[in-house]
Amino acid sequence: MKLSLVSIPVQNPIEAHAIYTSKLGFVTKEFNPKLNLAIVASPEDPLGTSILLEPCEGSFAEGYQNSAFEANLPIMVFSVKNVETELKRLKAQGVKLRPELNNPEWGLMNMFEDGCGNILMLEEKSD
């Protein structure tokens, strides 16, 4: 079995699509504003695992998203080749970094907000 699609709760998939493609650097896999449908993928592996930007307003996922955010927990972890370089790039894009949440004892570091109600984390991996 191989991971194909994951979802991340967002308040507005259309706005999230703009953020995930313009600021975070993902590419569009499927986008239909009329259906409130937005799916993105890594530009490094556009045919690999995709992320469904799942509308959560008014659903059980909204409570999950709010609880994770208030607990300062990342909702998803992305791997990059160089964390420091990626954090600089994100900061230059206006993404809010969360260095105050770094807690190496728990293995939590390199966190940032996606601007859609989630905290995300970067992990350095060389492939």
N, C-alpha and C. Protein backbone atom coordinates (compact mmCIF):
# COMPACT_ATOMS: atom_id res chain seq x y z
N MET A 1 0.85 -1.17 0.00
CA MET A 1 0.00 0.00 0.00
C MET A 1 0.89 1.24 0.00
N LYS A 2 0.46 2.25 -0.71
CA LYS A 2 1.21 3.50 -0.82
C LYS A 2 0.27 4.67 -0.57
N LEU A 3 0.75 5.65 0.15
CA LEU A 3 -0.04 6.83 0.45
C LEU A 3 -0.28 7.64 -0.82
N SER A 4 -1.53 7.96 -1.10
CA SER A 4 -1.88 8.66 -2.33
C SER A 4 -2.41 10.07 -2.08
N LEU A 5 -3.32 10.21 -1.11
CA LEU A 5 -3.96 11.50 -0.84
C LEU A 5 -4.17 11.65 0.66
N VAL A 6 -3.83 12.82 1.18
CA VAL A 6 -4.12 13.17 2.57
C VAL A 6 -4.90 14.47 2.54
N SER A 7 -5.62 14.74 3.62
CA SER A 7 -6.35 16.00 3.68
C SER A 7 -5.87 16.81 4.87
N ILE A 8 -5.96 18.11 4.71
CA ILE A 8 -5.61 19.03 5.78
C ILE A 8 -6.79 20.00 5.91
N PRO A 9 -7.28 20.21 7.14
CA PRO A 9 -8.43 21.09 7.30
C PRO A 9 -8.06 22.56 7.06
N VAL A 10 -8.89 23.24 6.31
CA VAL A 10 -8.71 24.67 6.06
C VAL A 10 -10.09 25.33 6.09
N GLN A 11 -10.13 26.58 6.48
CA GLN A 11 -11.41 27.29 6.52
C GLN A 11 -11.95 27.56 5.12
N ASN A 12 -11.06 27.91 4.20
CA ASN A 12 -11.47 28.27 2.85
C ASN A 12 -10.50 27.65 1.84
N PRO A 13 -10.90 26.59 1.15
CA PRO A 13 -10.00 25.91 0.22
C PRO A 13 -9.47 26.81 -0.91
N ILE A 14 -10.27 27.77 -1.33
CA ILE A 14 -9.84 28.65 -2.42
C ILE A 14 -8.70 29.54 -1.95
N GLU A 15 -8.86 30.15 -0.78
CA GLU A 15 -7.78 30.96 -0.21
C GLU A 15 -6.58 30.09 0.14
N ALA A 16 -6.82 28.90 0.68
CA ALA A 16 -5.74 27.99 1.03
C ALA A 16 -4.95 27.60 -0.22
N HIS A 17 -5.64 27.37 -1.31
CA HIS A 17 -4.96 27.02 -2.56
C HIS A 17 -3.99 28.12 -2.96
N ALA A 18 -4.42 29.36 -2.85
CA ALA A 18 -3.54 30.49 -3.19
C ALA A 18 -2.31 30.51 -2.30
N ILE A 19 -2.49 30.28 -1.01
CA ILE A 19 -1.37 30.28 -0.06
C ILE A 19 -0.44 29.10 -0.32
N TYR A 20 -1.01 27.92 -0.48
CA TYR A 20 -0.18 26.72 -0.65
C TYR A 20 0.60 26.75 -1.96
N THR A 21 0.05 27.39 -3.00
CA THR A 21 0.78 27.45 -4.27
C THR A 21 1.71 28.65 -4.35
N SER A 22 1.29 29.81 -3.88
CA SER A 22 2.14 31.00 -4.03
C SER A 22 3.17 31.17 -2.93
N LYS A 23 2.83 30.83 -1.71
CA LYS A 23 3.77 31.03 -0.59
C LYS A 23 4.52 29.77 -0.20
N LEU A 24 3.81 28.64 -0.13
CA LEU A 24 4.44 27.41 0.32
C LEU A 24 5.13 26.66 -0.81
N GLY A 25 4.75 26.95 -2.05
CA GLY A 25 5.47 26.38 -3.19
C GLY A 25 4.92 25.09 -3.77
N PHE A 26 3.72 24.69 -3.37
CA PHE A 26 3.12 23.50 -3.94
C PHE A 26 2.58 23.79 -5.33
N VAL A 27 2.30 22.74 -6.08
CA VAL A 27 1.72 22.89 -7.42
C VAL A 27 0.30 22.38 -7.40
N THR A 28 -0.51 22.92 -8.28
CA THR A 28 -1.91 22.52 -8.38
C THR A 28 -2.03 21.17 -9.06
N LYS A 29 -2.77 20.29 -8.44
CA LYS A 29 -3.07 19.00 -9.04
C LYS A 29 -4.50 19.02 -9.58
N GLU A 30 -5.39 19.62 -8.78
CA GLU A 30 -6.78 19.79 -9.21
C GLU A 30 -7.33 21.01 -8.50
N PHE A 31 -8.05 21.85 -9.24
CA PHE A 31 -8.60 23.06 -8.65
C PHE A 31 -9.91 23.40 -9.35
N ASN A 32 -10.99 23.44 -8.57
CA ASN A 32 -12.30 23.80 -9.10
C ASN A 32 -12.99 24.66 -8.06
N PRO A 33 -12.87 25.99 -8.19
CA PRO A 33 -13.48 26.89 -7.20
C PRO A 33 -14.98 26.70 -7.04
N LYS A 34 -15.70 26.36 -8.12
CA LYS A 34 -17.15 26.16 -8.04
C LYS A 34 -17.50 25.01 -7.10
N LEU A 35 -16.64 24.00 -7.05
CA LEU A 35 -16.88 22.84 -6.19
C LEU A 35 -16.16 22.96 -4.85
N ASN A 36 -15.44 24.09 -4.66
CA ASN A 36 -14.67 24.30 -3.42
C ASN A 36 -13.61 23.20 -3.28
N LEU A 37 -13.03 22.80 -4.41
CA LEU A 37 -12.10 21.68 -4.46
C LEU A 37 -10.70 22.18 -4.80
N ALA A 38 -9.75 21.86 -3.94
CA ALA A 38 -8.36 22.24 -4.18
C ALA A 38 -7.45 21.10 -3.72
N ILE A 39 -6.66 20.60 -4.65
CA ILE A 39 -5.69 19.54 -4.35
C ILE A 39 -4.33 20.01 -4.87
N VAL A 40 -3.32 19.92 -4.01
CA VAL A 40 -1.97 20.35 -4.37
C VAL A 40 -1.00 19.19 -4.18
N ALA A 41 0.19 19.35 -4.75
CA ALA A 41 1.23 18.33 -4.63
C ALA A 41 2.58 19.02 -4.57
N SER A 42 3.57 18.26 -4.19
CA SER A 42 4.94 18.76 -4.15
C SER A 42 5.46 18.97 -5.56
N PRO A 43 6.14 20.09 -5.83
CA PRO A 43 6.73 20.26 -7.15
C PRO A 43 7.85 19.25 -7.40
N GLU A 44 8.39 18.68 -6.33
CA GLU A 44 9.45 17.67 -6.45
C GLU A 44 8.89 16.30 -6.81
N ASP A 45 7.60 16.09 -6.59
CA ASP A 45 6.96 14.81 -6.88
C ASP A 45 5.49 15.06 -7.20
N PRO A 46 5.20 15.75 -8.31
CA PRO A 46 3.82 16.15 -8.61
C PRO A 46 2.86 14.99 -8.82
N LEU A 47 3.38 13.80 -9.11
CA LEU A 47 2.51 12.63 -9.29
C LEU A 47 2.44 11.79 -8.03
N GLY A 48 3.14 12.24 -6.98
CA GLY A 48 3.16 11.50 -5.71
C GLY A 48 1.97 11.87 -4.84
N THR A 49 2.16 11.74 -3.55
CA THR A 49 1.10 12.01 -2.58
C THR A 49 0.59 13.44 -2.73
N SER A 50 -0.70 13.60 -2.73
CA SER A 50 -1.35 14.90 -2.87
C SER A 50 -1.99 15.32 -1.56
N ILE A 51 -2.26 16.62 -1.45
CA ILE A 51 -2.93 17.15 -0.27
C ILE A 51 -4.25 17.77 -0.70
N LEU A 52 -5.33 17.24 -0.14
CA LEU A 52 -6.66 17.82 -0.34
C LEU A 52 -6.82 18.91 0.70
N LEU A 53 -7.06 20.14 0.26
CA LEU A 53 -7.30 21.25 1.18
C LEU A 53 -8.79 21.20 1.53
N GLU A 54 -9.06 20.51 2.60
CA GLU A 54 -10.41 20.10 3.00
C GLU A 54 -11.15 21.22 3.73
N PRO A 55 -12.31 21.65 3.22
CA PRO A 55 -13.08 22.66 3.95
C PRO A 55 -13.57 22.09 5.28
N CYS A 56 -13.31 22.81 6.36
CA CYS A 56 -13.67 22.27 7.68
C CYS A 56 -14.69 23.12 8.43
N GLU A 57 -15.01 24.28 7.91
CA GLU A 57 -15.92 25.16 8.63
C GLU A 57 -17.25 24.46 8.91
N GLY A 58 -17.62 24.42 10.19
CA GLY A 58 -18.88 23.83 10.60
C GLY A 58 -18.86 22.31 10.72
N SER A 59 -17.69 21.69 10.54
CA SER A 59 -17.61 20.24 10.64
C SER A 59 -16.78 19.84 11.86
N PHE A 60 -16.72 18.53 12.12
CA PHE A 60 -15.92 18.02 13.23
C PHE A 60 -14.44 18.41 13.05
N ALA A 61 -14.00 18.54 11.80
CA ALA A 61 -12.59 18.86 11.53
C ALA A 61 -12.23 20.26 12.01
N GLU A 62 -13.20 21.15 12.08
CA GLU A 62 -12.93 22.51 12.57
C GLU A 62 -12.49 22.46 14.04
N GLY A 63 -13.15 21.64 14.84
CA GLY A 63 -12.77 21.48 16.24
C GLY A 63 -11.38 20.87 16.37
N TYR A 64 -11.08 19.89 15.53
CA TYR A 64 -9.75 19.27 15.52
C TYR A 64 -8.68 20.30 15.16
N GLN A 65 -8.94 21.06 14.11
CA GLN A 65 -7.98 22.08 13.67
C GLN A 65 -7.74 23.10 14.79
N ASN A 66 -8.82 23.61 15.39
CA ASN A 66 -8.68 24.59 16.46
C ASN A 66 -7.94 24.02 17.67
N SER A 67 -8.25 22.79 18.02
CA SER A 67 -7.60 22.15 19.17
C SER A 67 -6.11 21.96 18.93
N ALA A 68 -5.73 21.50 17.75
CA ALA A 68 -4.31 21.30 17.43
C ALA A 68 -3.58 22.64 17.44
N PHE A 69 -4.20 23.68 16.88
CA PHE A 69 -3.57 25.00 16.82
C PHE A 69 -3.38 25.56 18.24
N GLU A 70 -4.43 25.48 19.06
CA GLU A 70 -4.34 26.00 20.43
C GLU A 70 -3.33 25.22 21.27
N ALA A 71 -3.13 23.94 20.95
CA ALA A 71 -2.15 23.12 21.67
C ALA A 71 -0.74 23.28 21.09
N ASN A 72 -0.62 24.12 20.04
CA ASN A 72 0.66 24.36 19.37
C ASN A 72 1.25 23.09 18.78
N LEU A 73 0.40 22.26 18.21
CA LEU A 73 0.84 21.01 17.61
C LEU A 73 0.77 21.09 16.09
N PRO A 74 1.81 20.61 15.43
CA PRO A 74 1.76 20.60 13.96
C PRO A 74 0.75 19.58 13.48
N ILE A 75 0.03 19.95 12.44
CA ILE A 75 -0.99 19.07 11.89
C ILE A 75 -0.41 18.20 10.78
N MET A 76 0.76 18.61 10.25
CA MET A 76 1.42 17.85 9.21
C MET A 76 2.91 18.21 9.21
N VAL A 77 3.74 17.28 8.78
CA VAL A 77 5.19 17.50 8.71
C VAL A 77 5.63 17.30 7.27
N PHE A 78 6.42 18.26 6.78
CA PHE A 78 6.97 18.19 5.43
C PHE A 78 8.48 18.02 5.51
N SER A 79 9.04 17.26 4.59
CA SER A 79 10.49 17.11 4.57
C SER A 79 11.09 18.03 3.51
N VAL A 80 12.25 18.56 3.83
CA VAL A 80 13.00 19.43 2.92
C VAL A 80 14.47 19.03 3.00
N LYS A 81 15.23 19.40 1.99
CA LYS A 81 16.66 19.06 1.99
C LYS A 81 17.45 19.93 2.96
N ASN A 82 17.01 21.20 3.13
CA ASN A 82 17.72 22.11 4.01
C ASN A 82 16.70 22.97 4.76
N VAL A 83 16.50 22.68 6.03
CA VAL A 83 15.49 23.39 6.83
C VAL A 83 15.78 24.88 6.90
N GLU A 84 17.02 25.25 7.16
CA GLU A 84 17.37 26.67 7.32
C GLU A 84 17.05 27.46 6.04
N THR A 85 17.40 26.91 4.90
CA THR A 85 17.11 27.57 3.63
C THR A 85 15.61 27.71 3.41
N GLU A 86 14.87 26.65 3.72
CA GLU A 86 13.42 26.67 3.52
C GLU A 86 12.75 27.67 4.47
N LEU A 87 13.20 27.73 5.71
CA LEU A 87 12.63 28.70 6.65
C LEU A 87 12.88 30.13 6.18
N LYS A 88 14.04 30.39 5.65
CA LYS A 88 14.34 31.74 5.11
C LYS A 88 13.41 32.05 3.94
N ARG A 89 13.21 31.06 3.07
CA ARG A 89 12.33 31.27 1.91
C ARG A 89 10.90 31.54 2.37
N LEU A 90 10.42 30.76 3.32
CA LEU A 90 9.06 30.95 3.83
C LEU A 90 8.91 32.32 4.48
N LYS A 91 9.89 32.70 5.27
CA LYS A 91 9.83 34.01 5.94
C LYS A 91 9.78 35.13 4.89
N ALA A 92 10.57 35.01 3.83
CA ALA A 92 10.57 36.01 2.76
C ALA A 92 9.21 36.07 2.06
N GLN A 93 8.45 34.97 2.08
CA GLN A 93 7.11 34.92 1.49
C GLN A 93 6.04 35.46 2.43
N GLY A 94 6.45 35.85 3.64
CA GLY A 94 5.49 36.39 4.61
C GLY A 94 4.84 35.34 5.49
N VAL A 95 5.38 34.13 5.47
CA VAL A 95 4.84 33.05 6.30
C VAL A 95 5.30 33.27 7.74
N LYS A 96 4.39 33.09 8.69
CA LYS A 96 4.72 33.29 10.10
C LYS A 96 5.42 32.05 10.66
N LEU A 97 6.69 32.23 11.03
CA LEU A 97 7.46 31.16 11.65
C LEU A 97 7.13 31.10 13.13
N ARG A 98 7.28 29.94 13.74
CA ARG A 98 6.95 29.75 15.15
C ARG A 98 8.14 29.17 15.92
N PRO A 99 9.29 29.87 15.94
CA PRO A 99 10.47 29.34 16.65
C PRO A 99 10.24 29.17 18.14
N GLU A 100 9.28 29.91 18.71
CA GLU A 100 9.01 29.78 20.15
C GLU A 100 8.43 28.41 20.51
N LEU A 101 8.00 27.67 19.51
CA LEU A 101 7.43 26.35 19.76
C LEU A 101 8.47 25.23 19.68
N ASN A 102 9.70 25.56 19.30
CA ASN A 102 10.73 24.53 19.21
C ASN A 102 10.92 23.85 20.55
N ASN A 103 10.84 22.55 20.55
CA ASN A 103 11.02 21.75 21.76
C ASN A 103 11.74 20.46 21.37
N PRO A 104 13.08 20.54 21.23
CA PRO A 104 13.84 19.38 20.76
C PRO A 104 13.62 18.12 21.60
N GLU A 105 13.32 18.29 22.89
CA GLU A 105 13.09 17.12 23.74
C GLU A 105 11.89 16.31 23.25
N TRP A 106 10.94 16.97 22.65
CA TRP A 106 9.76 16.29 22.13
C TRP A 106 9.89 15.97 20.65
N GLY A 107 10.97 16.47 20.04
CA GLY A 107 11.16 16.28 18.61
C GLY A 107 10.38 17.27 17.77
N LEU A 108 9.95 18.36 18.38
CA LEU A 108 9.19 19.38 17.65
C LEU A 108 10.08 20.59 17.39
N MET A 109 10.27 20.91 16.12
CA MET A 109 11.09 22.06 15.75
C MET A 109 10.64 22.56 14.37
N ASN A 110 11.11 23.74 14.01
CA ASN A 110 10.93 24.29 12.66
C ASN A 110 9.46 24.41 12.26
N MET A 111 8.66 24.99 13.15
CA MET A 111 7.23 25.09 12.89
C MET A 111 6.86 26.45 12.32
N PHE A 112 5.79 26.45 11.55
CA PHE A 112 5.28 27.68 10.95
C PHE A 112 3.77 27.55 10.76
N GLU A 113 3.12 28.69 10.56
CA GLU A 113 1.68 28.71 10.31
C GLU A 113 1.43 28.74 8.82
N ASP A 114 0.43 28.01 8.37
CA ASP A 114 0.11 28.02 6.94
C ASP A 114 -0.80 29.17 6.54
N GLY A 115 -1.28 29.94 7.50
CA GLY A 115 -2.19 31.04 7.18
C GLY A 115 -3.62 30.58 6.97
N CYS A 116 -3.87 29.30 7.19
CA CYS A 116 -5.19 28.71 6.99
C CYS A 116 -5.70 28.04 8.26
N GLY A 117 -5.04 28.36 9.41
CA GLY A 117 -5.47 27.82 10.69
C GLY A 117 -4.66 26.63 11.19
N ASN A 118 -3.54 26.33 10.52
CA ASN A 118 -2.75 25.16 10.90
C ASN A 118 -1.31 25.52 11.22
N ILE A 119 -0.73 24.74 12.10
CA ILE A 119 0.71 24.78 12.34
C ILE A 119 1.30 23.59 11.60
N LEU A 120 2.36 23.85 10.84
CA LEU A 120 3.04 22.82 10.08
C LEU A 120 4.49 22.75 10.55
N MET A 121 5.16 21.66 10.22
CA MET A 121 6.53 21.48 10.68
C MET A 121 7.40 21.01 9.51
N LEU A 122 8.67 21.43 9.53
CA LEU A 122 9.64 21.00 8.55
C LEU A 122 10.62 20.03 9.19
N GLU A 123 11.00 19.03 8.43
CA GLU A 123 11.96 18.03 8.87
C GLU A 123 13.02 17.93 7.76
N GLU A 124 14.27 17.92 8.16
CA GLU A 124 15.34 17.85 7.17
C GLU A 124 15.64 16.40 6.81
N LYS A 125 15.55 16.11 5.51
CA LYS A 125 15.86 14.76 5.00
C LYS A 125 16.60 14.93 3.67
N SER A 126 17.57 14.11 3.46
CA SER A 126 18.38 14.22 2.25
C SER A 126 17.94 13.24 1.15
N ASP A 127 16.79 12.68 1.26
CA ASP A 127 16.20 11.69 0.31
C ASP A 127 16.69 10.37 0.64
